[in-house]
C-alpha atoms as a PDB file:
ATOM      1  CA  MET A   1     -44.674  75.606 -65.735  1.00  0.00           C
ATOM      2  CA  GLU A   2     -45.218  72.263 -63.923  1.00  0.00           C
ATOM      3  CA  LEU A   3     -44.184  72.487 -60.419  1.00  0.00           C
ATOM      4  CA  ARG A   4     -42.274  69.207 -60.383  1.00  0.00           C
ATOM      5  CA  ALA A   5     -38.534  68.310 -60.547  1.00  0.00           C
ATOM      6  CA  GLY A   6     -37.692  68.883 -64.783  1.00  0.00           C
ATOM      7  CA  GLY A   7     -40.386  71.081 -65.200  1.00  0.00           C
ATOM      8  CA  CYS A   8     -39.381  74.037 -67.744  1.00  0.00           C
ATOM      9  CA  PHE A   9     -39.832  77.908 -67.086  1.00  0.00           C
ATOM     10  CA  CYS A  10     -39.703  78.477 -70.867  1.00  0.00           C
ATOM     11  CA  GLU A  11     -40.802  81.083 -73.387  1.00  0.00           C
ATOM     12  CA  ARG A  12     -42.435  80.554 -77.114  1.00  0.00           C
ATOM     13  CA  LEU A  13     -41.831  84.004 -78.884  1.00  0.00           C
ATOM     14  CA  LYS A  14     -43.982  84.732 -81.888  1.00  0.00           C
ATOM     15  CA  ASP A  15     -41.410  84.119 -84.425  1.00  0.00           C
ATOM     16  CA  GLY A  16     -41.263  80.628 -83.834  1.00  0.00           C
ATOM     17  CA  ARG A  17     -38.000  81.070 -81.620  1.00  0.00           C
ATOM     18  CA  SER A  18     -37.910  79.821 -77.688  1.00  0.00           C
ATOM     19  CA  VAL A  19     -36.070  80.120 -74.493  1.00  0.00           C
ATOM     20  CA  GLN A  20     -35.573  78.166 -71.991  1.00  0.00           C
ATOM     21  CA  HIS A  21     -35.082  80.571 -68.499  1.00  0.00           C
ATOM     22  CA  LEU A  22     -34.804  77.676 -65.676  1.00  0.00           C
ATOM     23  CA  GLN A  23     -35.334  74.770 -64.779  1.00  0.00           C
ATOM     24  CA  VAL A  24     -37.096  73.384 -61.705  1.00  0.00           C
ATOM     25  CA  VAL A  25     -34.696  71.320 -59.461  1.00  0.00           C
ATOM     26  CA  TYR A  26     -37.106  71.297 -56.233  1.00  0.00           C
ATOM     27  CA  ALA A  27     -40.543  71.838 -55.660  1.00  0.00           C
ATOM     28  CA  ALA A  28     -42.277  71.410 -52.052  1.00  0.00           C
ATOM     29  CA  PRO A  29     -45.822  72.737 -52.215  1.00  0.00           C
ATOM     30  CA  GLY A  30     -45.731  74.818 -48.957  1.00  0.00           C
ATOM     31  CA  GLU A  31     -42.191  74.578 -48.479  1.00  0.00           C
ATOM     32  CA  GLY A  32     -40.614  76.246 -51.488  1.00  0.00           C
ATOM     33  CA  LEU A  33     -39.180  76.008 -54.937  1.00  0.00           C
ATOM     34  CA  ARG A  34     -35.881  76.117 -56.548  1.00  0.00           C
ATOM     35  CA  LEU A  35     -35.261  77.046 -60.038  1.00  0.00           C
ATOM     36  CA  ARG A  36     -31.798  76.806 -62.061  1.00  0.00           C
ATOM     37  CA  GLY A  37     -30.136  78.701 -64.921  1.00  0.00           C
ATOM     38  CA  ALA A  38     -28.922  81.961 -65.897  1.00  0.00           C
ATOM     39  CA  LEU A  39     -31.400  84.680 -66.638  1.00  0.00           C
ATOM     40  CA  GLY A  40     -31.437  87.210 -69.245  1.00  0.00           C
ATOM     41  CA  PRO A  41     -28.118  88.373 -70.520  1.00  0.00           C
ATOM     42  CA  LEU A  42     -26.637  86.220 -68.142  1.00  0.00           C
ATOM     43  CA  GLN A  43     -27.164  82.945 -70.653  1.00  0.00           C
ATOM     44  CA  MET A  44     -24.386  84.451 -72.747  1.00  0.00           C
ATOM     45  CA  GLU A  45     -21.773  83.790 -70.045  1.00  0.00           C
ATOM     46  CA  GLY A  46     -20.191  80.822 -68.537  1.00  0.00           C
ATOM     47  CA  VAL A  47     -22.496  81.279 -65.323  1.00  0.00           C
ATOM     48  CA  ASP A  48     -25.157  78.968 -63.581  1.00  0.00           C
ATOM     49  CA  GLY A  49     -27.919  80.416 -60.850  1.00  0.00           C
ATOM     50  CA  THR A  50     -30.292  79.077 -58.465  1.00  0.00           C
ATOM     51  CA  LEU A  51     -33.463  81.227 -57.879  1.00  0.00           C
ATOM     52  CA  SER A  52     -35.299  79.807 -54.666  1.00  0.00           C
ATOM     53  CA  TRP A  53     -38.417  80.722 -52.921  1.00  0.00           C
ATOM     54  CA  THR A  54     -38.571  79.388 -49.240  1.00  0.00           C
ATOM     55  CA  LEU A  55     -42.038  79.465 -47.425  1.00  0.00           C
ATOM     56  CA  LYS A  56     -42.457  79.490 -43.564  1.00  0.00           C
ATOM     57  CA  PRO A  57     -45.041  80.008 -41.368  1.00  0.00           C
ATOM     58  CA  ALA A  58     -45.016  83.417 -39.744  1.00  0.00           C
ATOM     59  CA  GLU A  59     -47.168  85.303 -36.870  1.00  0.00           C
ATOM     60  CA  GLY A  60     -50.377  85.957 -38.877  1.00  0.00           C
ATOM     61  CA  GLY A  61     -49.598  84.900 -42.326  1.00  0.00           C
ATOM     62  CA  THR A  62     -47.063  83.186 -44.161  1.00  0.00           C
ATOM     63  CA  SER A  63     -42.903  84.543 -44.473  1.00  0.00           C
ATOM     64  CA  LEU A  64     -41.544  84.282 -48.204  1.00  0.00           C
ATOM     65  CA  THR A  65     -37.763  84.679 -48.554  1.00  0.00           C
ATOM     66  CA  GLN A  66     -36.291  84.889 -52.462  1.00  0.00           C
ATOM     67  CA  SER A  67     -32.797  84.455 -53.429  1.00  0.00           C
ATOM     68  CA  TYR A  68     -30.675  84.194 -56.709  1.00  0.00           C
ATOM     69  CA  VAL A  69     -27.091  83.175 -56.367  1.00  0.00           C
ATOM     70  CA  VAL A  70     -25.097  83.124 -59.504  1.00  0.00           C
ATOM     71  CA  GLY A  71     -21.462  81.538 -59.757  1.00  0.00           C
ATOM     72  CA  GLY A  72     -19.318  80.948 -62.518  1.00  0.00           C
ATOM     73  CA  TYR A  73     -17.588  83.105 -65.075  1.00  0.00           C
ATOM     74  CA  ILE A  74     -18.420  86.569 -66.394  1.00  0.00           C
ATOM     75  CA  ARG A  75     -16.211  87.812 -69.073  1.00  0.00           C
ATOM     76  CA  SER A  76     -16.067  91.349 -68.145  1.00  0.00           C
ATOM     77  CA  GLY A  77     -16.175  90.636 -64.445  1.00  0.00           C
ATOM     78  CA  MET A  78     -19.057  90.929 -62.044  1.00  0.00           C
ATOM     79  CA  GLU A  79     -18.928  94.799 -61.868  1.00  0.00           C
ATOM     80  CA  GLN A  80     -20.598  95.350 -64.910  1.00  0.00           C
ATOM     81  CA  TRP A  81     -23.720  93.692 -64.167  1.00  0.00           C
ATOM     82  CA  HIS A  82     -24.366  95.104 -60.522  1.00  0.00           C
ATOM     83  CA  PRO A  83     -21.523  97.263 -59.132  1.00  0.00           C
ATOM     84  CA  GLY A  84     -20.588  95.584 -55.645  1.00  0.00           C
ATOM     85  CA  SER A  85     -22.592  92.361 -56.234  1.00  0.00           C
ATOM     86  CA  THR A  86     -21.367  89.393 -54.739  1.00  0.00           C
ATOM     87  CA  GLY A  87     -23.093  87.147 -57.135  1.00  0.00           C
ATOM     88  CA  SER A  88     -26.230  86.354 -54.656  1.00  0.00           C
ATOM     89  CA  SER A  89     -29.381  88.488 -53.695  1.00  0.00           C
ATOM     90  CA  THR A  90     -32.002  87.805 -51.135  1.00  0.00           C
ATOM     91  CA  SER A  91     -35.126  89.379 -50.006  1.00  0.00           C
ATOM     92  CA  SER A  92     -37.795  88.486 -47.930  1.00  0.00           C
ATOM     93  CA  CYS A  93     -41.463  89.566 -46.955  1.00  0.00           C
ATOM     94  CA  ASN A  94     -44.526  88.631 -45.053  1.00  0.00           C
ATOM     95  CA  ALA A  95     -47.919  87.854 -46.049  1.00  0.00           C
END
């Protein structure tokens, strides 16, 4: 994947098929990265998502925060995908 706007997080499969998982919309070395698209089975629904990583200096290292925010229409409703989901997920760690 090229870490520049327009870069593709894509996969080539053995039988000649291919998948575009996400596309880079923001790349700032040392600061963060944002990718847009629907992952996995969400590609079959009317949704779009933004997967983000944000880097910030922290005592003794770097703080990394990841979030995946999805919005749109899911035919069977969001509860099927993740009970109690709000359409977003965030996690962080220090390294």
